[in-house]
Amino acid sequence: MNKKISERFEKLMDEVNSIETSKIKVSGDFGDGWRIDHDALLSWRVKAKNIIIQVCGETSQHFIEFTNSEKLNGLGDGYYNVLKRTRAVLGAAKDDFEGGYLTSIKALVQAEVFDNELEQAKELLMSGYHVAAAVIAGVVLETGLRELCDRSAIEHGKLDKMNADLAKAGIYNKL
């Protein structure tokens, strides 16, 4: 999944760079400037916002700053400046994602707890307590699936249903 997201970030950066390279120098009554393809920029902005929401969330600093960067700031500001500002924000989100800086503290603590519980299950299994080991491993699995469902706004249910719903939503593949 991380590879797919990284590829999406890279494709969006390539796309915005392509929009910039197609800019045209214009002169007018209010000075010189650059004209870019507004439709291409709009399409790119929608896709960029979508990946930022998916990776960072709507309440993240990345999303807030991207939304603020889209706004024209009076005379002299134009869509070329919007392109530069929003590209910078998407680049920051990409760097933070690829650097692993978008993991929440809750997720880190939960991963540590799961690791400890799975270690206990391994010890129980090696000591011949197969049922107890299976119960602990099952709790870790179910808790992890429920957390993924919460993050993806998917209803809780039986394990196989949550697994299928998460796969259908593209969180991971069914295998």
N, C-alpha and C. Protein backbone atom coordinates (compact mmCIF):
# COMPACT_ATOMS: atom_id res chain seq x y z
N MET A 1 0.83 -1.20 0.00
CA MET A 1 0.00 0.00 0.00
C MET A 1 0.87 1.25 0.00
N ASN A 2 1.94 1.24 0.83
CA ASN A 2 2.82 2.41 0.88
C ASN A 2 3.46 2.69 -0.47
N LYS A 3 3.80 1.62 -1.19
CA LYS A 3 4.41 1.80 -2.51
C LYS A 3 3.42 2.48 -3.46
N LYS A 4 2.17 2.06 -3.39
CA LYS A 4 1.14 2.63 -4.26
C LYS A 4 0.94 4.12 -3.95
N ILE A 5 0.94 4.46 -2.67
CA ILE A 5 0.77 5.86 -2.28
C ILE A 5 1.99 6.67 -2.72
N SER A 6 3.19 6.13 -2.53
CA SER A 6 4.40 6.83 -2.97
C SER A 6 4.38 7.07 -4.47
N GLU A 7 3.93 6.07 -5.22
CA GLU A 7 3.83 6.22 -6.67
C GLU A 7 2.82 7.31 -7.04
N ARG A 8 1.72 7.39 -6.28
CA ARG A 8 0.71 8.41 -6.55
C ARG A 8 1.28 9.80 -6.29
N PHE A 9 1.99 9.95 -5.17
CA PHE A 9 2.64 11.23 -4.88
C PHE A 9 3.59 11.61 -6.02
N GLU A 10 4.39 10.65 -6.45
CA GLU A 10 5.36 10.92 -7.51
C GLU A 10 4.66 11.32 -8.81
N LYS A 11 3.59 10.61 -9.15
CA LYS A 11 2.84 10.94 -10.37
C LYS A 11 2.24 12.34 -10.29
N LEU A 12 1.73 12.72 -9.12
CA LEU A 12 1.16 14.06 -8.95
C LEU A 12 2.24 15.13 -9.03
N MET A 13 3.42 14.86 -8.50
CA MET A 13 4.52 15.83 -8.61
C MET A 13 4.93 15.98 -10.08
N ASP A 14 5.00 14.87 -10.81
CA ASP A 14 5.32 14.95 -12.23
C ASP A 14 4.25 15.75 -12.99
N GLU A 15 3.00 15.52 -12.63
CA GLU A 15 1.89 16.20 -13.30
C GLU A 15 1.96 17.72 -13.07
N VAL A 16 2.21 18.14 -11.83
CA VAL A 16 2.25 19.58 -11.55
C VAL A 16 3.48 20.21 -12.22
N ASN A 17 4.57 19.48 -12.28
CA ASN A 17 5.75 20.00 -12.98
C ASN A 17 5.49 20.15 -14.47
N SER A 18 4.71 19.23 -15.03
CA SER A 18 4.32 19.33 -16.44
C SER A 18 3.44 20.54 -16.68
N ILE A 19 2.53 20.81 -15.76
CA ILE A 19 1.66 22.00 -15.88
C ILE A 19 2.53 23.25 -15.86
N GLU A 20 3.53 23.26 -14.98
CA GLU A 20 4.39 24.44 -14.89
C GLU A 20 5.21 24.64 -16.16
N THR A 21 5.73 23.57 -16.71
CA THR A 21 6.57 23.72 -17.90
C THR A 21 5.78 24.17 -19.11
N SER A 22 4.46 24.03 -19.08
CA SER A 22 3.64 24.48 -20.20
C SER A 22 3.16 25.92 -20.03
N LYS A 23 3.68 26.64 -19.03
CA LYS A 23 3.26 28.03 -18.79
C LYS A 23 3.66 28.92 -19.97
N ILE A 24 2.90 29.99 -20.14
CA ILE A 24 3.13 30.94 -21.23
C ILE A 24 3.31 32.33 -20.62
N LYS A 25 4.33 33.04 -21.07
CA LYS A 25 4.58 34.40 -20.60
C LYS A 25 3.55 35.34 -21.24
N VAL A 26 2.91 36.17 -20.40
CA VAL A 26 1.92 37.12 -20.91
C VAL A 26 2.24 38.52 -20.39
N SER A 27 1.86 39.50 -21.20
CA SER A 27 2.02 40.90 -20.80
C SER A 27 0.64 41.53 -20.81
N GLY A 28 0.42 42.41 -19.85
CA GLY A 28 -0.89 43.06 -19.77
C GLY A 28 -0.76 44.45 -19.20
N ASP A 29 -1.87 45.09 -19.00
CA ASP A 29 -1.90 46.44 -18.46
C ASP A 29 -1.36 46.51 -17.03
N PHE A 30 -1.45 45.40 -16.32
CA PHE A 30 -1.02 45.39 -14.93
C PHE A 30 0.35 44.74 -14.74
N GLY A 31 1.05 44.49 -15.82
CA GLY A 31 2.39 43.91 -15.74
C GLY A 31 2.47 42.56 -16.42
N ASP A 32 3.65 41.99 -16.35
CA ASP A 32 3.91 40.70 -16.96
C ASP A 32 3.59 39.58 -15.97
N GLY A 33 3.34 38.41 -16.51
CA GLY A 33 3.04 37.27 -15.66
C GLY A 33 3.05 35.98 -16.46
N TRP A 34 2.58 34.95 -15.83
CA TRP A 34 2.54 33.63 -16.45
C TRP A 34 1.11 33.13 -16.52
N ARG A 35 0.77 32.52 -17.63
CA ARG A 35 -0.54 31.89 -17.79
C ARG A 35 -0.32 30.39 -17.84
N ILE A 36 -1.15 29.69 -17.07
CA ILE A 36 -1.09 28.23 -17.07
C ILE A 36 -2.49 27.69 -17.40
N ASP A 37 -2.54 26.41 -17.68
CA ASP A 37 -3.81 25.75 -18.01
C ASP A 37 -4.62 25.60 -16.71
N HIS A 38 -5.67 26.43 -16.56
CA HIS A 38 -6.47 26.43 -15.33
C HIS A 38 -7.19 25.10 -15.12
N ASP A 39 -7.67 24.49 -16.20
CA ASP A 39 -8.38 23.22 -16.07
C ASP A 39 -7.44 22.11 -15.59
N ALA A 40 -6.23 22.09 -16.14
CA ALA A 40 -5.26 21.09 -15.71
C ALA A 40 -4.88 21.31 -14.25
N LEU A 41 -4.73 22.59 -13.84
CA LEU A 41 -4.41 22.89 -12.45
C LEU A 41 -5.55 22.45 -11.53
N LEU A 42 -6.78 22.72 -11.92
CA LEU A 42 -7.93 22.33 -11.11
C LEU A 42 -7.98 20.82 -10.94
N SER A 43 -7.80 20.10 -12.02
CA SER A 43 -7.81 18.64 -11.98
C SER A 43 -6.71 18.14 -11.04
N TRP A 44 -5.52 18.70 -11.16
CA TRP A 44 -4.40 18.30 -10.31
C TRP A 44 -4.70 18.62 -8.84
N ARG A 45 -5.27 19.79 -8.58
CA ARG A 45 -5.56 20.18 -7.19
C ARG A 45 -6.54 19.22 -6.54
N VAL A 46 -7.55 18.78 -7.28
CA VAL A 46 -8.53 17.83 -6.74
C VAL A 46 -7.83 16.51 -6.39
N LYS A 47 -6.99 16.03 -7.28
CA LYS A 47 -6.27 14.78 -7.03
C LYS A 47 -5.30 14.92 -5.86
N ALA A 48 -4.63 16.07 -5.79
CA ALA A 48 -3.68 16.30 -4.70
C ALA A 48 -4.40 16.38 -3.36
N LYS A 49 -5.53 17.08 -3.32
CA LYS A 49 -6.31 17.15 -2.07
C LYS A 49 -6.77 15.77 -1.64
N ASN A 50 -7.17 14.96 -2.60
CA ASN A 50 -7.65 13.62 -2.29
C ASN A 50 -6.55 12.78 -1.61
N ILE A 51 -5.35 12.80 -2.17
CA ILE A 51 -4.27 11.99 -1.57
C ILE A 51 -3.87 12.55 -0.21
N ILE A 52 -3.91 13.87 -0.06
CA ILE A 52 -3.58 14.47 1.24
C ILE A 52 -4.62 14.06 2.28
N ILE A 53 -5.90 14.07 1.91
CA ILE A 53 -6.95 13.65 2.84
C ILE A 53 -6.77 12.18 3.21
N GLN A 54 -6.48 11.33 2.23
CA GLN A 54 -6.33 9.91 2.50
C GLN A 54 -5.13 9.62 3.40
N VAL A 55 -4.03 10.31 3.16
CA VAL A 55 -2.80 10.01 3.88
C VAL A 55 -2.69 10.80 5.18
N CYS A 56 -3.06 12.07 5.16
CA CYS A 56 -2.85 12.94 6.31
C CYS A 56 -4.14 13.21 7.10
N GLY A 57 -5.27 13.23 6.43
CA GLY A 57 -6.54 13.53 7.08
C GLY A 57 -6.96 14.97 6.84
N GLU A 58 -8.26 15.21 7.00
CA GLU A 58 -8.82 16.54 6.75
C GLU A 58 -8.45 17.55 7.82
N THR A 59 -8.05 17.10 8.97
CA THR A 59 -7.69 18.02 10.05
C THR A 59 -6.18 18.23 10.14
N SER A 60 -5.44 17.65 9.21
CA SER A 60 -3.97 17.76 9.25
C SER A 60 -3.50 19.15 8.81
N GLN A 61 -2.32 19.49 9.25
CA GLN A 61 -1.72 20.75 8.85
C GLN A 61 -1.49 20.78 7.34
N HIS A 62 -1.19 19.63 6.77
CA HIS A 62 -0.97 19.56 5.31
C HIS A 62 -2.23 19.98 4.55
N PHE A 63 -3.37 19.41 4.96
CA PHE A 63 -4.62 19.72 4.26
C PHE A 63 -5.02 21.17 4.47
N ILE A 64 -4.90 21.65 5.69
CA ILE A 64 -5.26 23.04 5.99
C ILE A 64 -4.39 24.00 5.17
N GLU A 65 -3.11 23.74 5.13
CA GLU A 65 -2.20 24.62 4.38
C GLU A 65 -2.44 24.53 2.88
N PHE A 66 -2.75 23.32 2.38
CA PHE A 66 -3.05 23.17 0.96
C PHE A 66 -4.28 24.00 0.59
N THR A 67 -5.32 23.89 1.41
CA THR A 67 -6.55 24.65 1.16
C THR A 67 -6.30 26.15 1.19
N ASN A 68 -5.51 26.61 2.15
CA ASN A 68 -5.17 28.04 2.22
C ASN A 68 -4.33 28.47 1.02
N SER A 69 -3.46 27.60 0.55
CA SER A 69 -2.57 27.93 -0.57
C SER A 69 -3.31 28.02 -1.89
N GLU A 70 -4.51 27.46 -1.96
CA GLU A 70 -5.29 27.51 -3.19
C GLU A 70 -5.93 28.88 -3.43
N LYS A 71 -6.04 29.65 -2.38
CA LYS A 71 -6.76 30.93 -2.47
C LYS A 71 -5.89 32.00 -3.13
N LEU A 72 -6.51 32.79 -3.99
CA LEU A 72 -5.83 33.93 -4.58
C LEU A 72 -5.75 35.04 -3.53
N ASN A 73 -4.59 35.66 -3.42
CA ASN A 73 -4.34 36.66 -2.38
C ASN A 73 -4.32 38.07 -2.95
N GLY A 74 -5.37 38.46 -3.61
CA GLY A 74 -5.48 39.83 -4.09
C GLY A 74 -4.82 40.07 -5.43
N LEU A 75 -4.73 41.35 -5.80
CA LEU A 75 -4.13 41.73 -7.08
C LEU A 75 -2.67 41.31 -7.11
N GLY A 76 -2.23 40.92 -8.27
CA GLY A 76 -0.85 40.50 -8.44
C GLY A 76 -0.64 39.02 -8.18
N ASP A 77 -1.60 38.40 -7.52
CA ASP A 77 -1.52 36.96 -7.30
C ASP A 77 -2.25 36.27 -8.44
N GLY A 78 -1.77 35.14 -8.86
CA GLY A 78 -2.42 34.44 -9.96
C GLY A 78 -2.31 32.93 -9.78
N TYR A 79 -2.83 32.23 -10.75
CA TYR A 79 -2.87 30.78 -10.66
C TYR A 79 -1.48 30.16 -10.72
N TYR A 80 -0.54 30.83 -11.33
CA TYR A 80 0.83 30.30 -11.33
C TYR A 80 1.38 30.30 -9.90
N ASN A 81 1.08 31.34 -9.14
CA ASN A 81 1.51 31.37 -7.74
C ASN A 81 0.78 30.31 -6.91
N VAL A 82 -0.50 30.08 -7.23
CA VAL A 82 -1.26 29.02 -6.57
C VAL A 82 -0.59 27.68 -6.83
N LEU A 83 -0.19 27.45 -8.09
CA LEU A 83 0.50 26.23 -8.46
C LEU A 83 1.75 26.04 -7.61
N LYS A 84 2.57 27.07 -7.50
CA LYS A 84 3.82 26.96 -6.75
C LYS A 84 3.56 26.68 -5.27
N ARG A 85 2.57 27.37 -4.68
CA ARG A 85 2.28 27.17 -3.25
C ARG A 85 1.73 25.77 -2.98
N THR A 86 0.76 25.35 -3.80
CA THR A 86 0.15 24.04 -3.55
C THR A 86 1.13 22.91 -3.85
N ARG A 87 2.00 23.09 -4.83
CA ARG A 87 3.03 22.08 -5.11
C ARG A 87 3.96 21.94 -3.91
N ALA A 88 4.30 23.05 -3.29
CA ALA A 88 5.18 23.00 -2.12
C ALA A 88 4.53 22.22 -0.97
N VAL A 89 3.24 22.43 -0.77
CA VAL A 89 2.53 21.71 0.31
C VAL A 89 2.46 20.22 -0.01
N LEU A 90 2.12 19.88 -1.27
CA LEU A 90 2.08 18.47 -1.63
C LEU A 90 3.46 17.84 -1.47
N GLY A 91 4.50 18.57 -1.84
CA GLY A 91 5.86 18.06 -1.66
C GLY A 91 6.19 17.80 -0.20
N ALA A 92 5.72 18.68 0.69
CA ALA A 92 5.93 18.48 2.13
C ALA A 92 5.19 17.24 2.61
N ALA A 93 3.96 17.05 2.16
CA ALA A 93 3.19 15.86 2.54
C ALA A 93 3.88 14.59 2.04
N LYS A 94 4.38 14.65 0.81
CA LYS A 94 5.09 13.51 0.22
C LYS A 94 6.33 13.18 1.05
N ASP A 95 7.12 14.19 1.38
CA ASP A 95 8.33 13.98 2.18
C ASP A 95 8.00 13.41 3.55
N ASP A 96 6.98 13.96 4.20
CA ASP A 96 6.59 13.47 5.52
C ASP A 96 6.10 12.02 5.46
N PHE A 97 5.33 11.69 4.41
CA PHE A 97 4.84 10.32 4.26
C PHE A 97 6.01 9.37 4.04
N GLU A 98 6.87 9.71 3.09
CA GLU A 98 7.98 8.81 2.76
C GLU A 98 9.00 8.72 3.89
N GLY A 99 9.08 9.76 4.72
CA GLY A 99 9.98 9.72 5.86
C GLY A 99 9.39 9.02 7.07
N GLY A 100 8.10 8.64 6.98
CA GLY A 100 7.44 7.94 8.09
C GLY A 100 7.00 8.86 9.21
N TYR A 101 6.84 10.15 8.93
CA TYR A 101 6.49 11.11 9.97
C TYR A 101 5.00 11.33 10.14
N LEU A 102 4.17 10.59 9.43
CA LEU A 102 2.74 10.79 9.53
C LEU A 102 2.05 9.75 10.42
N THR A 103 2.84 8.88 11.02
CA THR A 103 2.29 7.88 11.92
C THR A 103 1.93 8.55 13.23
N SER A 104 0.72 8.31 13.68
CA SER A 104 0.28 8.94 14.92
C SER A 104 0.89 8.25 16.13
N ILE A 105 0.94 8.97 17.23
CA ILE A 105 1.44 8.40 18.48
C ILE A 105 0.58 7.21 18.88
N LYS A 106 -0.74 7.32 18.70
CA LYS A 106 -1.64 6.22 19.03
C LYS A 106 -1.25 4.96 18.25
N ALA A 107 -0.96 5.12 16.96
CA ALA A 107 -0.60 3.97 16.14
C ALA A 107 0.72 3.36 16.61
N LEU A 108 1.66 4.20 17.02
CA LEU A 108 2.94 3.68 17.51
C LEU A 108 2.76 2.90 18.81
N VAL A 109 1.97 3.43 19.73
CA VAL A 109 1.72 2.74 20.99
C VAL A 109 0.98 1.43 20.73
N GLN A 110 -0.03 1.49 19.86
CA GLN A 110 -0.80 0.29 19.55
C GLN A 110 0.10 -0.78 18.92
N ALA A 111 1.00 -0.38 18.05
CA ALA A 111 1.93 -1.34 17.43
C ALA A 111 2.81 -1.99 18.49
N GLU A 112 3.26 -1.22 19.45
CA GLU A 112 4.10 -1.75 20.53
C GLU A 112 3.31 -2.75 21.37
N VAL A 113 2.06 -2.41 21.70
CA VAL A 113 1.21 -3.33 22.48
C VAL A 113 0.96 -4.61 21.69
N PHE A 114 0.64 -4.48 20.41
CA PHE A 114 0.40 -5.66 19.58
C PHE A 114 1.65 -6.53 19.53
N ASP A 115 2.80 -5.92 19.41
CA ASP A 115 4.05 -6.67 19.37
C ASP A 115 4.24 -7.47 20.65
N ASN A 116 3.97 -6.84 21.81
CA ASN A 116 4.09 -7.53 23.09
C ASN A 116 3.10 -8.68 23.19
N GLU A 117 1.86 -8.45 22.75
CA GLU A 117 0.84 -9.50 22.82
C GLU A 117 1.19 -10.67 21.90
N LEU A 118 1.71 -10.37 20.71
CA LEU A 118 2.09 -11.44 19.79
C LEU A 118 3.29 -12.21 20.34
N GLU A 119 4.18 -11.54 21.04
CA GLU A 119 5.31 -12.21 21.68
C GLU A 119 4.80 -13.16 22.76
N GLN A 120 3.79 -12.73 23.52
CA GLN A 120 3.19 -13.60 24.53
C GLN A 120 2.55 -14.82 23.87
N ALA A 121 1.85 -14.60 22.76
CA ALA A 121 1.21 -15.71 22.05
C ALA A 121 2.26 -16.70 21.56
N LYS A 122 3.39 -16.20 21.10
CA LYS A 122 4.47 -17.06 20.63
C LYS A 122 5.01 -17.91 21.77
N GLU A 123 5.20 -17.30 22.93
CA GLU A 123 5.69 -18.04 24.10
C GLU A 123 4.69 -19.11 24.53
N LEU A 124 3.41 -18.76 24.53
CA LEU A 124 2.38 -19.74 24.88
C LEU A 124 2.36 -20.90 23.89
N LEU A 125 2.51 -20.59 22.63
CA LEU A 125 2.52 -21.62 21.60
C LEU A 125 3.71 -22.57 21.79
N MET A 126 4.86 -22.00 22.06
CA MET A 126 6.07 -22.82 22.26
C MET A 126 5.96 -23.67 23.54
N SER A 127 5.14 -23.24 24.49
CA SER A 127 4.94 -24.00 25.73
C SER A 127 3.80 -24.99 25.62
N GLY A 128 3.18 -25.07 24.46
CA GLY A 128 2.12 -26.05 24.24
C GLY A 128 0.72 -25.55 24.52
N TYR A 129 0.56 -24.28 24.83
CA TYR A 129 -0.76 -23.71 25.10
C TYR A 129 -1.34 -23.13 23.80
N HIS A 130 -1.73 -24.04 22.92
CA HIS A 130 -2.16 -23.66 21.58
C HIS A 130 -3.43 -22.80 21.58
N VAL A 131 -4.40 -23.17 22.39
CA VAL A 131 -5.66 -22.44 22.42
C VAL A 131 -5.45 -21.02 22.94
N ALA A 132 -4.70 -20.88 24.02
CA ALA A 132 -4.44 -19.55 24.58
C ALA A 132 -3.67 -18.69 23.58
N ALA A 133 -2.71 -19.28 22.89
CA ALA A 133 -1.93 -18.54 21.88
C ALA A 133 -2.85 -18.08 20.75
N ALA A 134 -3.75 -18.95 20.33
CA ALA A 134 -4.68 -18.60 19.24
C ALA A 134 -5.63 -17.50 19.67
N VAL A 135 -6.08 -17.53 20.91
CA VAL A 135 -6.99 -16.50 21.41
C VAL A 135 -6.29 -15.13 21.41
N ILE A 136 -5.08 -15.07 21.92
CA ILE A 136 -4.35 -13.80 21.97
C ILE A 136 -4.08 -13.29 20.56
N ALA A 137 -3.63 -14.17 19.66
CA ALA A 137 -3.38 -13.75 18.28
C ALA A 137 -4.67 -13.28 17.62
N GLY A 138 -5.78 -13.93 17.90
CA GLY A 138 -7.07 -13.53 17.35
C GLY A 138 -7.51 -12.16 17.83
N VAL A 139 -7.26 -11.88 19.12
CA VAL A 139 -7.60 -10.56 19.67
C VAL A 139 -6.79 -9.47 18.98
N VAL A 140 -5.50 -9.73 18.76
CA VAL A 140 -4.65 -8.76 18.08
C VAL A 140 -5.15 -8.52 16.66
N LEU A 141 -5.49 -9.59 15.96
CA LEU A 141 -6.00 -9.46 14.60
C LEU A 141 -7.31 -8.68 14.56
N GLU A 142 -8.25 -9.06 15.43
CA GLU A 142 -9.54 -8.39 15.43
C GLU A 142 -9.41 -6.92 15.81
N THR A 143 -8.58 -6.61 16.79
CA THR A 143 -8.38 -5.21 17.19
C THR A 143 -7.77 -4.41 16.05
N GLY A 144 -6.80 -4.99 15.36
CA GLY A 144 -6.19 -4.32 14.21
C GLY A 144 -7.18 -4.06 13.09
N LEU A 145 -8.01 -5.05 12.80
CA LEU A 145 -9.03 -4.87 11.76
C LEU A 145 -10.05 -3.81 12.15
N ARG A 146 -10.46 -3.80 13.40
CA ARG A 146 -11.42 -2.79 13.86
C ARG A 146 -10.82 -1.38 13.75
N GLU A 147 -9.55 -1.26 14.08
CA GLU A 147 -8.88 0.05 13.97
C GLU A 147 -8.82 0.51 12.51
N LEU A 148 -8.49 -0.41 11.61
CA LEU A 148 -8.48 -0.07 10.18
C LEU A 148 -9.87 0.32 9.70
N CYS A 149 -10.89 -0.38 10.18
CA CYS A 149 -12.27 -0.03 9.82
C CYS A 149 -12.62 1.36 10.33
N ASP A 150 -12.23 1.69 11.56
CA ASP A 150 -12.50 3.02 12.11
C ASP A 150 -11.85 4.10 11.25
N ARG A 151 -10.60 3.88 10.87
CA ARG A 151 -9.88 4.87 10.06
C ARG A 151 -10.50 5.05 8.68
N SER A 152 -11.15 4.01 8.20
CA SER A 152 -11.71 4.03 6.84
C SER A 152 -13.22 4.20 6.82
N ALA A 153 -13.82 4.47 7.97
CA ALA A 153 -15.28 4.67 8.10
C ALA A 153 -16.05 3.46 7.59
N ILE A 154 -15.57 2.27 7.96
CA ILE A 154 -16.22 1.02 7.59
C ILE A 154 -16.83 0.43 8.86
N GLU A 155 -18.06 -0.08 8.74
CA GLU A 155 -18.76 -0.66 9.89
C GLU A 155 -18.05 -1.89 10.41
N HIS A 156 -18.07 -2.07 11.74
CA HIS A 156 -17.54 -3.28 12.34
C HIS A 156 -18.50 -4.43 12.08
N GLY A 157 -17.98 -5.62 12.10
CA GLY A 157 -18.79 -6.81 11.91
C GLY A 157 -17.94 -8.02 12.20
N LYS A 158 -18.28 -9.13 11.58
CA LYS A 158 -17.46 -10.33 11.75
C LYS A 158 -16.13 -10.12 11.03
N LEU A 159 -15.13 -10.90 11.46
CA LEU A 159 -13.79 -10.73 10.89
C LEU A 159 -13.77 -10.85 9.38
N ASP A 160 -14.43 -11.87 8.84
CA ASP A 160 -14.39 -12.05 7.39
C ASP A 160 -15.08 -10.91 6.64
N LYS A 161 -16.14 -10.35 7.22
CA LYS A 161 -16.83 -9.21 6.59
C LYS A 161 -15.95 -7.96 6.64
N MET A 162 -15.34 -7.69 7.80
CA MET A 162 -14.45 -6.52 7.90
C MET A 162 -13.28 -6.67 6.94
N ASN A 163 -12.72 -7.87 6.86
CA ASN A 163 -11.61 -8.13 5.96
C ASN A 163 -12.01 -7.87 4.51
N ALA A 164 -13.18 -8.39 4.12
CA ALA A 164 -13.67 -8.20 2.75
C ALA A 164 -13.96 -6.72 2.47
N ASP A 165 -14.57 -6.03 3.42
CA ASP A 165 -14.88 -4.61 3.24
C ASP A 165 -13.61 -3.76 3.12
N LEU A 166 -12.60 -4.10 3.92
CA LEU A 166 -11.34 -3.36 3.83
C LEU A 166 -10.65 -3.61 2.49
N ALA A 167 -10.71 -4.84 2.03
CA ALA A 167 -10.12 -5.16 0.72
C ALA A 167 -10.89 -4.45 -0.39
N LYS A 168 -12.21 -4.43 -0.29
CA LYS A 168 -13.04 -3.76 -1.30
C LYS A 168 -12.75 -2.26 -1.34
N ALA A 169 -12.46 -1.67 -0.16
CA ALA A 169 -12.17 -0.24 -0.08
C ALA A 169 -10.75 0.08 -0.54
N GLY A 170 -9.95 -0.96 -0.84
CA GLY A 170 -8.60 -0.74 -1.33
C GLY A 170 -7.58 -0.48 -0.23
N ILE A 171 -7.93 -0.76 1.03
CA ILE A 171 -6.98 -0.57 2.13
C ILE A 171 -5.85 -1.58 2.01
N TYR A 172 -6.17 -2.78 1.62
CA TYR A 172 -5.20 -3.81 1.28
C TYR A 172 -5.90 -4.80 0.38
N ASN A 173 -5.15 -5.72 -0.22
CA ASN A 173 -5.83 -6.68 -1.09
C ASN A 173 -6.30 -7.87 -0.26
N LYS A 174 -7.22 -8.62 -0.80
CA LYS A 174 -7.88 -9.69 -0.05
C LYS A 174 -6.90 -10.76 0.40
N LEU A 175 -5.88 -11.02 -0.36
CA LEU A 175 -4.90 -12.03 0.04
C LEU A 175 -4.13 -11.57 1.25
